[in-house]
Amino acid sequence: LSARLIEAVVRGCGLALAILLQGELWRLLELLGTGRLAVLMGSRPTDLQEAGTVDLLVDTAAQLSKRRCGGLIVLDLGSDLRPEDFLNPGVNIDATLSVDLLLNLFSADSPLHDGAVLIQANRVASAGVILPLSRQSSFTRHGTRHLAALGLTERHDRCLCVVVSEESGTISMASQGRFERPITRERLRELLSEAVSRRQARTLPKSSLSGDRSDSTTRVRS
């Protein structure tokens, strides 16, 4: 009787873990299927090492907010995003990152302004990108940009999304399927800097990390 009880408990715990971690298991199977094990092992480096990149994104968000111009910026911190990860991969840009370029892409006169802009390796990789939407019922009252930011970060935990509301000018940031909003430009700078620093610390060899540096984590509130 005792052996059967233990076996039943073990099976029950295994089933419970499978249910709780179904998102992570699905992501694991997806990475295995696409051959992107480097992402799973965290070995894909990020080139977002310049403080200037964070400053450019913060300045862009602040100007979009001031103008009440909607915007959605995807910051890839090593997710190895591919065209098939999007509903529509948009238009290839491959241009040097700048505030003027981002503002022009999100301008109402631009045919690409409704989609997201993808930033990879300090460059504007593409624009007019259509992201998968979140199914979180608690956010259905929000606009498409917010649902798209949640949808992508739910699926790719090494992506950040900066959203500027067209209606209110509110700045938000999505990470791992959660939002912190509304935030100031200084809070956005803090969140982006911490995320980039954490990613760099994970990709550096242990010998290059001096002292007892702790990996601080910012918890993004929904």
C-alpha atoms as a PDB file:
ATOM      1  CA  LEU A   1       0.000   0.000   0.000  1.00  0.00           C
ATOM      2  CA  SER A   2       2.817   2.393   0.880  1.00  0.00           C
ATOM      3  CA  ALA A   3       4.612   1.769  -2.428  1.00  0.00           C
ATOM      4  CA  ARG A   4       1.394   2.380  -4.389  1.00  0.00           C
ATOM      5  CA  LEU A   5       0.751   5.583  -2.472  1.00  0.00           C
ATOM      6  CA  ILE A   6       4.271   6.862  -3.184  1.00  0.00           C
ATOM      7  CA  GLU A   7       3.899   5.957  -6.859  1.00  0.00           C
ATOM      8  CA  ALA A   8       0.583   7.804  -7.042  1.00  0.00           C
ATOM      9  CA  VAL A   9       2.086  10.882  -5.371  1.00  0.00           C
ATOM     10  CA  VAL A  10       5.050  10.887  -7.766  1.00  0.00           C
ATOM     11  CA  ARG A  11       2.751  10.630 -10.784  1.00  0.00           C
ATOM     12  CA  GLY A  12       0.533  13.371  -9.425  1.00  0.00           C
ATOM     13  CA  CYS A  13       3.515  15.670  -8.840  1.00  0.00           C
ATOM     14  CA  GLY A  14       4.802  14.965 -12.337  1.00  0.00           C
ATOM     15  CA  LEU A  15       1.434  15.811 -13.870  1.00  0.00           C
ATOM     16  CA  ALA A  16       1.180  18.996 -11.804  1.00  0.00           C
ATOM     17  CA  LEU A  17       4.653  20.106 -12.908  1.00  0.00           C
ATOM     18  CA  ALA A  18       3.787  19.390 -16.534  1.00  0.00           C
ATOM     19  CA  ILE A  19       0.704  21.591 -16.235  1.00  0.00           C
ATOM     20  CA  LEU A  20       2.530  24.396 -14.442  1.00  0.00           C
ATOM     21  CA  LEU A  21       5.480  24.349 -16.836  1.00  0.00           C
ATOM     22  CA  GLN A  22       3.584  23.703 -20.055  1.00  0.00           C
ATOM     23  CA  GLY A  23       4.672  27.056 -21.492  1.00  0.00           C
ATOM     24  CA  GLU A  24       8.337  26.292 -20.837  1.00  0.00           C
ATOM     25  CA  LEU A  25       7.970  22.750 -22.203  1.00  0.00           C
ATOM     26  CA  TRP A  26       6.352  24.095 -25.361  1.00  0.00           C
ATOM     27  CA  ARG A  27       9.197  26.592 -25.747  1.00  0.00           C
ATOM     28  CA  LEU A  28      11.738  23.780 -25.295  1.00  0.00           C
ATOM     29  CA  LEU A  29      10.084  21.687 -27.997  1.00  0.00           C
ATOM     30  CA  GLU A  30       9.950  24.722 -30.287  1.00  0.00           C
ATOM     31  CA  LEU A  31      13.669  25.400 -29.865  1.00  0.00           C
ATOM     32  CA  LEU A  32      14.515  21.739 -30.409  1.00  0.00           C
ATOM     33  CA  GLY A  33      12.387  21.695 -33.542  1.00  0.00           C
ATOM     34  CA  THR A  34      14.015  24.784 -35.031  1.00  0.00           C
ATOM     35  CA  GLY A  35      17.567  23.848 -34.026  1.00  0.00           C
ATOM     36  CA  ARG A  36      18.015  26.902 -31.809  1.00  0.00           C
ATOM     37  CA  LEU A  37      19.648  25.190 -28.853  1.00  0.00           C
ATOM     38  CA  ALA A  38      22.076  28.099 -28.495  1.00  0.00           C
ATOM     39  CA  VAL A  39      19.168  30.200 -27.269  1.00  0.00           C
ATOM     40  CA  LEU A  40      18.127  27.512 -24.805  1.00  0.00           C
ATOM     41  CA  MET A  41      21.624  27.270 -23.347  1.00  0.00           C
ATOM     42  CA  GLY A  42      21.959  31.045 -23.184  1.00  0.00           C
ATOM     43  CA  SER A  43      25.087  30.960 -25.334  1.00  0.00           C
ATOM     44  CA  ARG A  44      23.921  33.380 -27.979  1.00  0.00           C
ATOM     45  CA  PRO A  45      25.678  36.696 -27.250  1.00  0.00           C
ATOM     46  CA  THR A  46      24.064  40.070 -27.498  1.00  0.00           C
ATOM     47  CA  ASP A  47      25.715  43.036 -29.151  1.00  0.00           C
ATOM     48  CA  LEU A  48      23.663  45.516 -27.160  1.00  0.00           C
ATOM     49  CA  GLN A  49      26.634  46.602 -25.116  1.00  0.00           C
ATOM     50  CA  GLU A  50      26.591  50.318 -25.738  1.00  0.00           C
ATOM     51  CA  ALA A  51      24.903  52.655 -23.294  1.00  0.00           C
ATOM     52  CA  GLY A  52      24.079  54.758 -26.342  1.00  0.00           C
ATOM     53  CA  THR A  53      21.566  52.168 -27.500  1.00  0.00           C
ATOM     54  CA  VAL A  54      19.553  52.505 -24.311  1.00  0.00           C
ATOM     55  CA  ASP A  55      19.739  56.302 -24.519  1.00  0.00           C
ATOM     56  CA  LEU A  56      18.448  56.265 -28.105  1.00  0.00           C
ATOM     57  CA  LEU A  57      15.501  54.074 -27.201  1.00  0.00           C
ATOM     58  CA  VAL A  58      14.628  56.174 -24.163  1.00  0.00           C
ATOM     59  CA  ASP A  59      14.832  59.414 -26.164  1.00  0.00           C
ATOM     60  CA  THR A  60      12.659  57.918 -28.896  1.00  0.00           C
ATOM     61  CA  ALA A  61      10.012  56.754 -26.430  1.00  0.00           C
ATOM     62  CA  ALA A  62      10.004  60.164 -24.730  1.00  0.00           C
ATOM     63  CA  GLN A  63       9.517  62.005 -28.020  1.00  0.00           C
ATOM     64  CA  LEU A  64       6.794  59.624 -29.175  1.00  0.00           C
ATOM     65  CA  SER A  65       5.053  60.111 -25.834  1.00  0.00           C
ATOM     66  CA  LYS A  66       5.251  63.887 -26.099  1.00  0.00           C
ATOM     67  CA  ARG A  67       3.814  63.818 -29.631  1.00  0.00           C
ATOM     68  CA  ARG A  68       1.117  61.258 -28.721  1.00  0.00           C
ATOM     69  CA  CYS A  69       2.463  59.081 -31.505  1.00  0.00           C
ATOM     70  CA  GLY A  70       2.017  55.344 -30.992  1.00  0.00           C
ATOM     71  CA  GLY A  71       5.039  53.096 -31.158  1.00  0.00           C
ATOM     72  CA  LEU A  72       6.147  49.529 -30.504  1.00  0.00           C
ATOM     73  CA  ILE A  73       9.851  48.700 -30.288  1.00  0.00           C
ATOM     74  CA  VAL A  74      11.133  45.140 -29.909  1.00  0.00           C
ATOM     75  CA  LEU A  75      14.569  44.821 -28.337  1.00  0.00           C
ATOM     76  CA  ASP A  76      16.098  41.407 -29.045  1.00  0.00           C
ATOM     77  CA  LEU A  77      18.540  40.422 -26.293  1.00  0.00           C
ATOM     78  CA  GLY A  78      19.521  37.113 -27.836  1.00  0.00           C
ATOM     79  CA  SER A  79      16.306  35.314 -28.776  1.00  0.00           C
ATOM     80  CA  ASP A  80      17.490  34.641 -32.332  1.00  0.00           C
ATOM     81  CA  LEU A  81      14.169  35.834 -33.735  1.00  0.00           C
ATOM     82  CA  ARG A  82      13.280  34.553 -37.180  1.00  0.00           C
ATOM     83  CA  PRO A  83      10.609  35.578 -39.722  1.00  0.00           C
ATOM     84  CA  GLU A  84       8.450  32.600 -38.770  1.00  0.00           C
ATOM     85  CA  ASP A  85       8.204  33.949 -35.207  1.00  0.00           C
ATOM     86  CA  PHE A  86       6.001  36.795 -36.478  1.00  0.00           C
ATOM     87  CA  LEU A  87       2.605  36.959 -38.130  1.00  0.00           C
ATOM     88  CA  ASN A  88       4.314  39.186 -40.689  1.00  0.00           C
ATOM     89  CA  PRO A  89       8.099  39.787 -40.649  1.00  0.00           C
ATOM     90  CA  GLY A  90       7.674  43.291 -42.041  1.00  0.00           C
ATOM     91  CA  VAL A  91      10.191  45.094 -44.217  1.00  0.00           C
ATOM     92  CA  ASN A  92      13.937  44.580 -43.918  1.00  0.00           C
ATOM     93  CA  ILE A  93      15.674  47.820 -42.917  1.00  0.00           C
ATOM     94  CA  ASP A  94      19.156  46.897 -41.619  1.00  0.00           C
ATOM     95  CA  ALA A  95      20.076  50.475 -40.768  1.00  0.00           C
ATOM     96  CA  THR A  96      22.024  52.254 -38.055  1.00  0.00           C
ATOM     97  CA  LEU A  97      19.872  52.930 -35.012  1.00  0.00           C
ATOM     98  CA  SER A  98      18.919  56.568 -34.542  1.00  0.00           C
ATOM     99  CA  VAL A  99      16.114  58.580 -32.965  1.00  0.00           C
ATOM    100  CA  ASP A 100      15.256  60.271 -36.267  1.00  0.00           C
ATOM    101  CA  LEU A 101      14.920  56.963 -38.075  1.00  0.00           C
ATOM    102  CA  LEU A 102      12.637  55.511 -35.405  1.00  0.00           C
ATOM    103  CA  LEU A 103      10.476  58.632 -35.305  1.00  0.00           C
ATOM    104  CA  ASN A 104      10.116  58.546 -39.082  1.00  0.00           C
ATOM    105  CA  LEU A 105       9.144  54.876 -39.047  1.00  0.00           C
ATOM    106  CA  PHE A 106       6.417  55.527 -36.467  1.00  0.00           C
ATOM    107  CA  SER A 107       5.188  58.700 -38.141  1.00  0.00           C
ATOM    108  CA  ALA A 108       1.548  58.594 -39.215  1.00  0.00           C
ATOM    109  CA  ASP A 109       2.732  59.238 -42.773  1.00  0.00           C
ATOM    110  CA  SER A 110       4.807  56.060 -42.780  1.00  0.00           C
ATOM    111  CA  PRO A 111       3.156  52.922 -44.212  1.00  0.00           C
ATOM    112  CA  LEU A 112       5.014  50.942 -41.530  1.00  0.00           C
ATOM    113  CA  HIS A 113       3.850  52.891 -38.480  1.00  0.00           C
ATOM    114  CA  ASP A 114       1.248  50.373 -37.300  1.00  0.00           C
ATOM    115  CA  GLY A 115       3.771  47.540 -36.969  1.00  0.00           C
ATOM    116  CA  ALA A 116       6.674  46.997 -34.598  1.00  0.00           C
ATOM    117  CA  VAL A 117      10.292  47.951 -35.152  1.00  0.00           C
ATOM    118  CA  LEU A 118      12.804  45.197 -34.403  1.00  0.00           C
ATOM    119  CA  ILE A 119      16.177  46.179 -32.898  1.00  0.00           C
ATOM    120  CA  GLN A 120      18.987  43.634 -33.113  1.00  0.00           C
ATOM    121  CA  ALA A 121      22.713  44.186 -32.517  1.00  0.00           C
ATOM    122  CA  ASN A 122      22.389  47.972 -32.235  1.00  0.00           C
ATOM    123  CA  ARG A 123      20.664  48.172 -35.620  1.00  0.00           C
ATOM    124  CA  VAL A 124      17.137  48.614 -36.896  1.00  0.00           C
ATOM    125  CA  ALA A 125      16.634  45.164 -38.391  1.00  0.00           C
ATOM    126  CA  SER A 126      13.084  45.530 -39.708  1.00  0.00           C
ATOM    127  CA  ALA A 127       9.925  47.610 -39.433  1.00  0.00           C
ATOM    128  CA  GLY A 128       6.219  47.068 -39.925  1.00  0.00           C
ATOM    129  CA  VAL A 129       6.525  43.751 -38.075  1.00  0.00           C
ATOM    130  CA  ILE A 130       3.231  42.175 -37.003  1.00  0.00           C
ATOM    131  CA  LEU A 131       3.599  40.321 -33.706  1.00  0.00           C
ATOM    132  CA  PRO A 132       1.500  37.471 -32.286  1.00  0.00           C
ATOM    133  CA  LEU A 133      -1.109  38.730 -29.835  1.00  0.00           C
ATOM    134  CA  SER A 134      -1.430  37.744 -26.192  1.00  0.00           C
ATOM    135  CA  ARG A 135      -4.407  35.739 -24.996  1.00  0.00           C
ATOM    136  CA  GLN A 136      -4.321  37.201 -21.500  1.00  0.00           C
ATOM    137  CA  SER A 137      -7.938  38.098 -20.806  1.00  0.00           C
ATOM    138  CA  SER A 138      -6.975  40.807 -18.314  1.00  0.00           C
ATOM    139  CA  PHE A 139      -5.391  42.873 -21.097  1.00  0.00           C
ATOM    140  CA  THR A 140      -8.101  42.624 -23.751  1.00  0.00           C
ATOM    141  CA  ARG A 141      -9.176  46.175 -22.880  1.00  0.00           C
ATOM    142  CA  HIS A 142      -5.815  47.489 -24.036  1.00  0.00           C
ATOM    143  CA  GLY A 143      -4.829  48.274 -27.585  1.00  0.00           C
ATOM    144  CA  THR A 144      -3.274  46.021 -30.176  1.00  0.00           C
ATOM    145  CA  ARG A 145       0.256  47.283 -29.506  1.00  0.00           C
ATOM    146  CA  HIS A 146       0.062  46.242 -25.858  1.00  0.00           C
ATOM    147  CA  LEU A 147      -1.377  42.826 -26.700  1.00  0.00           C
ATOM    148  CA  ALA A 148       1.340  42.328 -29.306  1.00  0.00           C
ATOM    149  CA  ALA A 149       4.082  43.265 -26.823  1.00  0.00           C
ATOM    150  CA  LEU A 150       2.729  40.762 -24.310  1.00  0.00           C
ATOM    151  CA  GLY A 151       2.292  38.104 -26.977  1.00  0.00           C
ATOM    152  CA  LEU A 152       5.908  38.264 -28.133  1.00  0.00           C
ATOM    153  CA  THR A 153       7.452  38.436 -24.669  1.00  0.00           C
ATOM    154  CA  GLU A 154       5.322  35.497 -23.527  1.00  0.00           C
ATOM    155  CA  ARG A 155       6.913  33.406 -26.255  1.00  0.00           C
ATOM    156  CA  HIS A 156      10.435  34.844 -26.169  1.00  0.00           C
ATOM    157  CA  ASP A 157      11.787  35.643 -22.715  1.00  0.00           C
ATOM    158  CA  ARG A 158      14.899  37.351 -24.099  1.00  0.00           C
ATOM    159  CA  CYS A 159      12.891  40.064 -25.803  1.00  0.00           C
ATOM    160  CA  LEU A 160      11.742  43.371 -24.375  1.00  0.00           C
ATOM    161  CA  CYS A 161       9.001  45.509 -25.863  1.00  0.00           C
ATOM    162  CA  VAL A 162       8.686  49.251 -25.359  1.00  0.00           C
ATOM    163  CA  VAL A 163       5.183  50.543 -26.072  1.00  0.00           C
ATOM    164  CA  VAL A 164       3.974  54.113 -26.403  1.00  0.00           C
ATOM    165  CA  SER A 165       0.216  54.616 -26.345  1.00  0.00           C
ATOM    166  CA  GLU A 166      -1.188  56.698 -29.167  1.00  0.00           C
ATOM    167  CA  GLU A 167      -4.177  57.781 -27.079  1.00  0.00           C
ATOM    168  CA  SER A 168      -2.514  58.763 -23.808  1.00  0.00           C
ATOM    169  CA  GLY A 169       1.211  58.928 -24.602  1.00  0.00           C
ATOM    170  CA  THR A 170       1.834  56.467 -21.753  1.00  0.00           C
ATOM    171  CA  ILE A 171       5.128  54.553 -21.897  1.00  0.00           C
ATOM    172  CA  SER A 172       5.118  50.868 -20.984  1.00  0.00           C
ATOM    173  CA  MET A 173       7.616  48.022 -21.065  1.00  0.00           C
ATOM    174  CA  ALA A 174       6.792  44.342 -21.472  1.00  0.00           C
ATOM    175  CA  SER A 175       9.052  41.516 -20.351  1.00  0.00           C
ATOM    176  CA  GLN A 176       8.264  37.803 -20.010  1.00  0.00           C
ATOM    177  CA  GLY A 177       4.567  38.396 -20.609  1.00  0.00           C
ATOM    178  CA  ARG A 178       4.226  41.115 -17.975  1.00  0.00           C
ATOM    179  CA  PHE A 179       3.908  44.877 -18.104  1.00  0.00           C
ATOM    180  CA  GLU A 180       5.292  47.709 -16.053  1.00  0.00           C
ATOM    181  CA  ARG A 181       3.178  50.739 -16.788  1.00  0.00           C
ATOM    182  CA  PRO A 182       2.983  53.635 -16.796  1.00  0.00           C
ATOM    183  CA  ILE A 183       6.651  54.490 -16.475  1.00  0.00           C
ATOM    184  CA  THR A 184       8.751  57.629 -16.789  1.00  0.00           C
ATOM    185  CA  ARG A 185      11.655  57.939 -19.184  1.00  0.00           C
ATOM    186  CA  GLU A 186      14.089  57.522 -16.281  1.00  0.00           C
ATOM    187  CA  ARG A 187      12.360  54.337 -15.147  1.00  0.00           C
ATOM    188  CA  LEU A 188      12.507  53.052 -18.733  1.00  0.00           C
ATOM    189  CA  ARG A 189      16.226  53.820 -18.826  1.00  0.00           C
ATOM    190  CA  GLU A 190      16.694  51.913 -15.571  1.00  0.00           C
ATOM    191  CA  LEU A 191      14.762  48.856 -16.778  1.00  0.00           C
ATOM    192  CA  LEU A 192      16.549  48.697 -20.135  1.00  0.00           C
ATOM    193  CA  SER A 193      19.991  49.196 -18.591  1.00  0.00           C
ATOM    194  CA  GLU A 194      19.411  46.462 -16.023  1.00  0.00           C
ATOM    195  CA  ALA A 195      18.135  44.033 -18.662  1.00  0.00           C
ATOM    196  CA  VAL A 196      21.111  44.636 -20.946  1.00  0.00           C
ATOM    197  CA  SER A 197      23.546  44.338 -18.022  1.00  0.00           C
ATOM    198  CA  ARG A 198      22.028  41.051 -16.899  1.00  0.00           C
ATOM    199  CA  ARG A 199      22.216  39.638 -20.400  1.00  0.00           C
ATOM    200  CA  GLN A 200      25.870  40.663 -20.759  1.00  0.00           C
ATOM    201  CA  ALA A 201      26.739  39.084 -17.402  1.00  0.00           C
ATOM    202  CA  ARG A 202      25.242  35.778 -18.531  1.00  0.00           C
ATOM    203  CA  THR A 203      27.227  35.712 -21.769  1.00  0.00           C
ATOM    204  CA  LEU A 204      30.596  36.630 -20.263  1.00  0.00           C
ATOM    205  CA  PRO A 205      32.954  33.817 -19.189  1.00  0.00           C
ATOM    206  CA  LYS A 206      33.165  33.378 -15.426  1.00  0.00           C
ATOM    207  CA  SER A 207      36.841  34.360 -15.384  1.00  0.00           C
ATOM    208  CA  SER A 208      35.934  37.826 -16.638  1.00  0.00           C
ATOM    209  CA  LEU A 209      33.504  38.483 -13.813  1.00  0.00           C
ATOM    210  CA  SER A 210      35.359  40.032 -10.914  1.00  0.00           C
ATOM    211  CA  GLY A 211      34.285  39.944  -7.299  1.00  0.00           C
ATOM    212  CA  ASP A 212      31.003  38.725  -5.924  1.00  0.00           C
ATOM    213  CA  ARG A 213      28.691  40.575  -8.281  1.00  0.00           C
ATOM    214  CA  SER A 214      25.049  39.690  -7.802  1.00  0.00           C
ATOM    215  CA  ASP A 215      22.646  39.444 -10.699  1.00  0.00           C
ATOM    216  CA  SER A 216      20.016  41.991  -9.815  1.00  0.00           C
ATOM    217  CA  THR A 217      16.577  41.329 -11.262  1.00  0.00           C
ATOM    218  CA  THR A 218      13.810  43.786 -11.966  1.00  0.00           C
ATOM    219  CA  ARG A 219      10.365  42.309 -11.530  1.00  0.00           C
ATOM    220  CA  VAL A 220       7.993  43.685 -14.129  1.00  0.00           C
ATOM    221  CA  ARG A 221       4.547  44.246 -12.703  1.00  0.00           C
ATOM    222  CA  SER A 222       1.414  43.488 -14.629  1.00  0.00           C
END
